């Protein structure tokens, strides 16, 4: 089981901690539009997540780490679009490839306190 902590994306406020057997199960409990997920279980009394002190308002390093965690989750959700037998037309595969590159570039280009997330291409989710 893996511990996960969820923070409100707008201000970094602690929302909840859960344990899940894998990232796919964690994603079922995650709203990427309003929450940031961080691996580790939050302790309300000590404010520790895996021995790291989490301030009430996250600092830039924490915001950047959270942005990268969210980015990684979004990449994981669309990994299926890049496998050879995904069933998508070549144009959609290319659109997903561009989206994924925009996600990979985000930590270097975005304001971690208010990132503007790229919009995923429209297609039926085969994951």
N, C-alpha and C. Protein backbone atom coordinates (compact mmCIF):
# COMPACT_ATOMS: atom_id res chain seq x y z
N UNK A 1 0.84 -1.18 0.00
CA UNK A 1 0.00 0.00 0.00
C UNK A 1 0.89 1.24 0.00
N UNK A 2 0.45 2.24 -0.73
CA UNK A 2 1.18 3.49 -0.83
C UNK A 2 0.33 4.58 -0.19
N UNK A 3 0.95 5.42 0.61
CA UNK A 3 0.25 6.54 1.22
C UNK A 3 0.27 7.75 0.30
N UNK A 4 -0.84 8.48 0.24
CA UNK A 4 -0.96 9.67 -0.59
C UNK A 4 -1.62 10.78 0.23
N UNK A 5 -1.16 11.99 0.04
CA UNK A 5 -1.74 13.15 0.68
C UNK A 5 -2.24 14.09 -0.39
N UNK A 6 -3.41 14.66 -0.18
CA UNK A 6 -4.02 15.58 -1.13
C UNK A 6 -4.08 16.98 -0.53
N UNK A 7 -3.67 17.95 -1.33
CA UNK A 7 -3.71 19.36 -0.94
C UNK A 7 -4.59 20.11 -1.92
N UNK A 8 -5.23 21.16 -1.45
CA UNK A 8 -6.00 22.04 -2.33
C UNK A 8 -5.00 22.79 -3.20
N UNK A 9 -5.21 22.75 -4.52
CA UNK A 9 -4.27 23.36 -5.45
C UNK A 9 -4.19 24.87 -5.28
N UNK A 10 -5.27 25.51 -4.90
CA UNK A 10 -5.30 26.97 -4.85
C UNK A 10 -4.47 27.56 -3.71
N UNK A 11 -4.41 26.87 -2.57
CA UNK A 11 -3.68 27.46 -1.44
C UNK A 11 -2.80 26.47 -0.67
N UNK A 12 -2.74 25.23 -1.12
CA UNK A 12 -1.89 24.26 -0.45
C UNK A 12 -2.45 23.68 0.83
N UNK A 13 -3.71 23.96 1.15
CA UNK A 13 -4.30 23.46 2.39
C UNK A 13 -4.45 21.93 2.32
N UNK A 14 -4.13 21.27 3.43
CA UNK A 14 -4.28 19.83 3.53
C UNK A 14 -5.75 19.45 3.39
N UNK A 15 -6.04 18.44 2.57
CA UNK A 15 -7.41 17.96 2.39
C UNK A 15 -7.61 16.59 3.05
N UNK A 16 -6.76 15.62 2.70
CA UNK A 16 -6.92 14.28 3.25
C UNK A 16 -5.72 13.43 2.88
N UNK A 17 -5.56 12.32 3.59
CA UNK A 17 -4.57 11.30 3.26
C UNK A 17 -5.30 9.99 3.03
N UNK A 18 -4.79 9.20 2.10
CA UNK A 18 -5.35 7.88 1.83
C UNK A 18 -4.20 6.90 1.63
N UNK A 19 -4.52 5.62 1.67
CA UNK A 19 -3.58 4.61 1.22
C UNK A 19 -4.24 3.87 0.07
N UNK A 20 -3.44 3.52 -0.91
CA UNK A 20 -3.95 2.82 -2.09
C UNK A 20 -2.89 1.82 -2.53
N UNK A 21 -3.31 0.71 -3.14
CA UNK A 21 -2.35 -0.31 -3.54
C UNK A 21 -1.43 0.13 -4.67
N UNK A 22 -1.89 1.09 -5.49
CA UNK A 22 -1.07 1.54 -6.61
C UNK A 22 -1.56 2.91 -7.09
N UNK A 23 -0.85 3.47 -8.04
CA UNK A 23 -1.18 4.82 -8.52
C UNK A 23 -2.56 4.85 -9.19
N UNK A 24 -2.95 3.78 -9.86
CA UNK A 24 -4.25 3.76 -10.53
C UNK A 24 -5.39 3.90 -9.52
N UNK A 25 -5.28 3.22 -8.39
CA UNK A 25 -6.32 3.34 -7.36
C UNK A 25 -6.31 4.73 -6.74
N UNK A 26 -5.13 5.31 -6.58
CA UNK A 26 -5.06 6.67 -6.04
C UNK A 26 -5.75 7.64 -6.99
N UNK A 27 -5.56 7.46 -8.30
CA UNK A 27 -6.15 8.36 -9.29
C UNK A 27 -7.67 8.37 -9.21
N UNK A 28 -8.27 7.28 -8.76
CA UNK A 28 -9.72 7.23 -8.62
C UNK A 28 -10.21 8.20 -7.55
N UNK A 29 -9.33 8.57 -6.62
CA UNK A 29 -9.68 9.46 -5.51
C UNK A 29 -9.15 10.87 -5.71
N UNK A 30 -8.69 11.20 -6.90
CA UNK A 30 -7.97 12.45 -7.13
C UNK A 30 -8.68 13.31 -8.17
N UNK A 31 -8.88 14.58 -7.86
CA UNK A 31 -9.42 15.55 -8.81
C UNK A 31 -8.28 16.49 -9.22
N UNK A 32 -7.66 16.27 -10.39
CA UNK A 32 -6.48 17.04 -10.77
C UNK A 32 -6.76 18.52 -10.99
N UNK A 33 -8.00 18.90 -11.15
CA UNK A 33 -8.33 20.31 -11.37
C UNK A 33 -8.27 21.12 -10.07
N UNK A 34 -8.51 20.47 -8.94
CA UNK A 34 -8.57 21.21 -7.67
C UNK A 34 -7.59 20.73 -6.62
N UNK A 35 -6.95 19.59 -6.88
CA UNK A 35 -6.08 18.99 -5.87
C UNK A 35 -4.69 18.70 -6.41
N UNK A 36 -3.74 18.69 -5.50
CA UNK A 36 -2.39 18.24 -5.78
C UNK A 36 -2.16 17.01 -4.93
N UNK A 37 -1.64 15.95 -5.55
CA UNK A 37 -1.36 14.72 -4.82
C UNK A 37 0.14 14.62 -4.55
N UNK A 38 0.46 14.13 -3.37
CA UNK A 38 1.85 13.98 -2.94
C UNK A 38 1.97 12.60 -2.32
N UNK A 39 2.98 11.84 -2.75
CA UNK A 39 3.17 10.52 -2.16
C UNK A 39 3.61 10.67 -0.71
N UNK A 40 2.96 9.94 0.17
CA UNK A 40 3.24 9.99 1.60
C UNK A 40 1.98 10.36 2.37
N UNK A 41 1.91 9.94 3.61
CA UNK A 41 0.73 10.21 4.44
C UNK A 41 1.01 11.38 5.36
N UNK A 42 0.11 12.34 5.36
CA UNK A 42 0.21 13.56 6.16
C UNK A 42 -0.16 13.25 7.61
N UNK A 43 0.62 13.75 8.52
CA UNK A 43 0.32 13.64 9.93
C UNK A 43 -0.16 15.02 10.40
N UNK A 44 -1.43 15.13 10.73
CA UNK A 44 -2.04 16.42 11.07
C UNK A 44 -1.34 17.09 12.25
N UNK A 45 -0.91 16.30 13.22
CA UNK A 45 -0.28 16.88 14.42
C UNK A 45 1.12 17.43 14.12
N UNK A 46 1.94 16.65 13.43
CA UNK A 46 3.32 17.09 13.17
C UNK A 46 3.47 17.82 11.85
N UNK A 47 2.46 17.74 10.98
CA UNK A 47 2.49 18.32 9.64
C UNK A 47 3.63 17.74 8.80
N UNK A 48 3.93 16.45 9.03
CA UNK A 48 4.98 15.79 8.27
C UNK A 48 4.38 14.89 7.20
N UNK A 49 5.01 14.88 6.05
CA UNK A 49 4.71 13.92 4.99
C UNK A 49 6.04 13.28 4.65
N UNK A 50 6.17 12.01 4.99
CA UNK A 50 7.45 11.31 4.78
C UNK A 50 8.62 12.10 5.32
N UNK A 51 8.51 12.55 6.56
CA UNK A 51 9.56 13.27 7.27
C UNK A 51 9.87 14.66 6.72
N UNK A 52 9.04 15.17 5.85
CA UNK A 52 9.23 16.52 5.32
C UNK A 52 8.19 17.44 5.94
N UNK A 53 8.63 18.56 6.50
CA UNK A 53 7.68 19.49 7.11
C UNK A 53 6.92 20.20 6.00
N UNK A 54 5.60 20.21 6.12
CA UNK A 54 4.75 20.88 5.14
C UNK A 54 4.18 22.12 5.80
N UNK A 55 4.54 23.26 5.30
CA UNK A 55 4.05 24.52 5.86
C UNK A 55 2.60 24.74 5.45
N UNK A 56 1.90 25.59 6.19
CA UNK A 56 0.50 25.89 5.86
C UNK A 56 0.39 26.45 4.46
N UNK A 57 1.27 27.36 4.10
CA UNK A 57 1.33 27.86 2.73
C UNK A 57 2.62 27.32 2.12
N UNK A 58 2.52 26.47 1.10
CA UNK A 58 3.71 25.82 0.57
C UNK A 58 4.72 26.82 0.00
N UNK A 59 6.00 26.55 0.18
CA UNK A 59 7.02 27.40 -0.40
C UNK A 59 7.23 27.04 -1.87
N UNK A 60 8.07 27.77 -2.56
CA UNK A 60 8.27 27.55 -4.00
C UNK A 60 8.76 26.14 -4.30
N UNK A 61 9.68 25.63 -3.49
CA UNK A 61 10.19 24.28 -3.73
C UNK A 61 9.08 23.25 -3.60
N UNK A 62 8.22 23.43 -2.59
CA UNK A 62 7.09 22.51 -2.39
C UNK A 62 6.10 22.62 -3.55
N UNK A 63 5.82 23.87 -3.98
CA UNK A 63 4.90 24.06 -5.10
C UNK A 63 5.44 23.41 -6.36
N UNK A 64 6.73 23.55 -6.60
CA UNK A 64 7.33 22.94 -7.79
C UNK A 64 7.29 21.42 -7.70
N UNK A 65 7.55 20.87 -6.52
CA UNK A 65 7.46 19.42 -6.33
C UNK A 65 6.03 18.94 -6.57
N UNK A 66 5.06 19.68 -6.06
CA UNK A 66 3.67 19.31 -6.27
C UNK A 66 3.29 19.40 -7.74
N UNK A 67 3.78 20.42 -8.42
CA UNK A 67 3.50 20.55 -9.86
C UNK A 67 4.07 19.35 -10.60
N UNK A 68 5.28 18.97 -10.26
CA UNK A 68 5.89 17.81 -10.93
C UNK A 68 5.12 16.53 -10.62
N UNK A 69 4.67 16.36 -9.38
CA UNK A 69 3.87 15.18 -9.04
C UNK A 69 2.59 15.13 -9.86
N UNK A 70 1.90 16.27 -9.95
CA UNK A 70 0.67 16.33 -10.73
C UNK A 70 0.95 16.07 -12.20
N UNK A 71 2.03 16.66 -12.70
CA UNK A 71 2.42 16.45 -14.10
C UNK A 71 2.66 14.97 -14.36
N UNK A 72 3.35 14.30 -13.44
CA UNK A 72 3.63 12.88 -13.61
C UNK A 72 2.35 12.06 -13.62
N UNK A 73 1.39 12.43 -12.78
CA UNK A 73 0.10 11.73 -12.77
C UNK A 73 -0.62 11.89 -14.10
N UNK A 74 -0.61 13.11 -14.63
CA UNK A 74 -1.27 13.36 -15.92
C UNK A 74 -0.58 12.60 -17.04
N UNK A 75 0.74 12.52 -17.00
CA UNK A 75 1.46 11.73 -18.00
C UNK A 75 1.09 10.25 -17.89
N UNK A 76 1.01 9.75 -16.67
CA UNK A 76 0.66 8.35 -16.46
C UNK A 76 -0.71 8.04 -17.04
N UNK A 77 -1.65 8.96 -16.87
CA UNK A 77 -3.02 8.74 -17.36
C UNK A 77 -3.09 8.59 -18.87
N UNK A 78 -2.13 9.15 -19.59
CA UNK A 78 -2.20 9.08 -21.05
C UNK A 78 -1.06 8.29 -21.66
N UNK A 79 -0.36 7.51 -20.86
CA UNK A 79 0.69 6.64 -21.40
C UNK A 79 0.15 5.75 -22.51
N UNK A 80 -1.07 5.29 -22.36
CA UNK A 80 -1.66 4.37 -23.32
C UNK A 80 -1.69 4.94 -24.74
N UNK A 81 -1.68 6.26 -24.87
CA UNK A 81 -1.77 6.88 -26.20
C UNK A 81 -0.51 6.70 -27.02
N UNK A 82 0.59 6.30 -26.38
CA UNK A 82 1.86 6.21 -27.09
C UNK A 82 2.30 4.77 -27.36
N UNK A 83 1.50 3.80 -26.98
CA UNK A 83 1.85 2.42 -27.31
C UNK A 83 1.43 2.12 -28.75
N UNK A 84 2.17 1.26 -29.44
CA UNK A 84 1.92 1.04 -30.87
C UNK A 84 0.51 0.57 -31.21
N UNK A 85 -0.12 -0.22 -30.38
CA UNK A 85 -1.44 -0.76 -30.72
C UNK A 85 -2.57 -0.05 -29.97
N UNK A 86 -2.49 1.27 -29.83
CA UNK A 86 -3.48 2.01 -29.05
C UNK A 86 -4.81 2.21 -29.78
N UNK A 87 -4.86 1.98 -31.07
CA UNK A 87 -6.10 2.11 -31.82
C UNK A 87 -6.43 3.53 -32.25
N UNK A 88 -5.55 4.48 -31.98
CA UNK A 88 -5.80 5.87 -32.37
C UNK A 88 -5.24 6.15 -33.76
N UNK A 89 -5.90 7.05 -34.50
CA UNK A 89 -5.32 7.50 -35.77
C UNK A 89 -4.00 8.23 -35.52
N UNK A 90 -3.13 8.25 -36.52
CA UNK A 90 -1.81 8.88 -36.38
C UNK A 90 -1.91 10.33 -35.94
N UNK A 91 -2.91 11.06 -36.42
CA UNK A 91 -3.05 12.48 -36.04
C UNK A 91 -3.33 12.62 -34.55
N UNK A 92 -4.13 11.73 -34.00
CA UNK A 92 -4.42 11.79 -32.56
C UNK A 92 -3.19 11.40 -31.74
N UNK A 93 -2.45 10.41 -32.19
CA UNK A 93 -1.22 10.03 -31.50
C UNK A 93 -0.27 11.23 -31.47
N UNK A 94 -0.16 11.94 -32.59
CA UNK A 94 0.71 13.11 -32.65
C UNK A 94 0.21 14.21 -31.72
N UNK A 95 -1.11 14.41 -31.65
CA UNK A 95 -1.66 15.43 -30.74
C UNK A 95 -1.36 15.07 -29.29
N UNK A 96 -1.50 13.80 -28.95
CA UNK A 96 -1.17 13.36 -27.59
C UNK A 96 0.32 13.53 -27.31
N UNK A 97 1.15 13.27 -28.32
CA UNK A 97 2.59 13.44 -28.13
C UNK A 97 2.91 14.90 -27.81
N UNK A 98 2.27 15.84 -28.51
CA UNK A 98 2.48 17.27 -28.24
C UNK A 98 1.99 17.65 -26.84
N UNK A 99 0.84 17.13 -26.46
CA UNK A 99 0.30 17.38 -25.11
C UNK A 99 1.28 16.88 -24.05
N UNK A 100 1.79 15.67 -24.24
CA UNK A 100 2.71 15.09 -23.28
C UNK A 100 4.00 15.90 -23.19
N UNK A 101 4.47 16.42 -24.33
CA UNK A 101 5.67 17.26 -24.29
C UNK A 101 5.39 18.56 -23.54
N UNK A 102 4.20 19.13 -23.74
CA UNK A 102 3.83 20.35 -23.01
C UNK A 102 3.80 20.07 -21.50
N UNK A 103 3.32 18.90 -21.11
CA UNK A 103 3.35 18.53 -19.69
C UNK A 103 4.78 18.43 -19.18
N UNK A 104 5.65 17.80 -19.97
CA UNK A 104 7.05 17.66 -19.54
C UNK A 104 7.75 19.01 -19.42
N UNK A 105 7.36 19.97 -20.26
CA UNK A 105 7.97 21.30 -20.24
C UNK A 105 7.42 22.19 -19.13
N UNK A 106 6.27 21.85 -18.59
CA UNK A 106 5.58 22.73 -17.64
C UNK A 106 6.41 23.18 -16.44
N UNK A 107 7.17 22.30 -15.78
CA UNK A 107 7.92 22.78 -14.62
C UNK A 107 8.91 23.91 -14.94
N UNK A 108 9.40 23.96 -16.17
CA UNK A 108 10.34 25.01 -16.55
C UNK A 108 9.64 26.27 -17.04
N UNK A 109 8.37 26.17 -17.41
CA UNK A 109 7.69 27.30 -18.04
C UNK A 109 6.57 27.91 -17.22
N UNK A 110 6.07 27.19 -16.22
CA UNK A 110 4.88 27.65 -15.48
C UNK A 110 5.24 28.27 -14.14
N UNK A 111 4.33 29.09 -13.66
CA UNK A 111 4.39 29.60 -12.29
C UNK A 111 3.85 28.49 -11.40
N UNK A 112 4.67 27.89 -10.55
CA UNK A 112 4.21 26.74 -9.76
C UNK A 112 3.02 27.07 -8.86
N UNK A 113 2.85 28.33 -8.49
CA UNK A 113 1.72 28.67 -7.62
C UNK A 113 0.42 28.82 -8.40
N UNK A 114 0.51 28.94 -9.73
CA UNK A 114 -0.69 29.08 -10.55
C UNK A 114 -0.41 28.55 -11.95
N UNK A 115 -0.16 27.24 -12.07
CA UNK A 115 0.17 26.70 -13.39
C UNK A 115 -1.04 26.70 -14.32
N UNK A 116 -0.78 26.92 -15.58
CA UNK A 116 -1.82 26.79 -16.60
C UNK A 116 -1.54 25.47 -17.30
N UNK A 117 -2.41 24.51 -17.03
CA UNK A 117 -2.21 23.16 -17.54
C UNK A 117 -2.60 23.06 -19.00
N UNK A 118 -1.82 22.35 -19.81
CA UNK A 118 -2.22 22.15 -21.20
C UNK A 118 -3.50 21.31 -21.24
N UNK A 119 -4.26 21.51 -22.29
CA UNK A 119 -5.53 20.79 -22.45
C UNK A 119 -5.27 19.51 -23.22
N UNK A 120 -5.73 18.41 -22.66
CA UNK A 120 -5.56 17.11 -23.31
C UNK A 120 -6.40 17.03 -24.57
N UNK A 121 -5.88 16.39 -25.60
CA UNK A 121 -6.67 16.17 -26.82
C UNK A 121 -7.93 15.38 -26.50
N UNK A 122 -8.95 15.60 -27.28
CA UNK A 122 -10.19 14.84 -27.10
C UNK A 122 -10.07 13.52 -27.82
N UNK A 123 -10.33 12.46 -27.09
CA UNK A 123 -10.44 11.13 -27.67
C UNK A 123 -10.99 10.23 -26.60
N UNK A 124 -11.50 9.11 -27.01
CA UNK A 124 -12.05 8.16 -26.05
C UNK A 124 -10.91 7.61 -25.21
N UNK A 125 -11.11 7.59 -23.90
CA UNK A 125 -10.08 7.11 -22.98
C UNK A 125 -10.06 5.59 -22.99
N UNK A 126 -8.96 5.02 -23.45
CA UNK A 126 -8.82 3.57 -23.52
C UNK A 126 -8.07 3.00 -22.35
N UNK A 127 -7.69 3.85 -21.37
CA UNK A 127 -6.86 3.37 -20.27
C UNK A 127 -7.64 2.53 -19.29
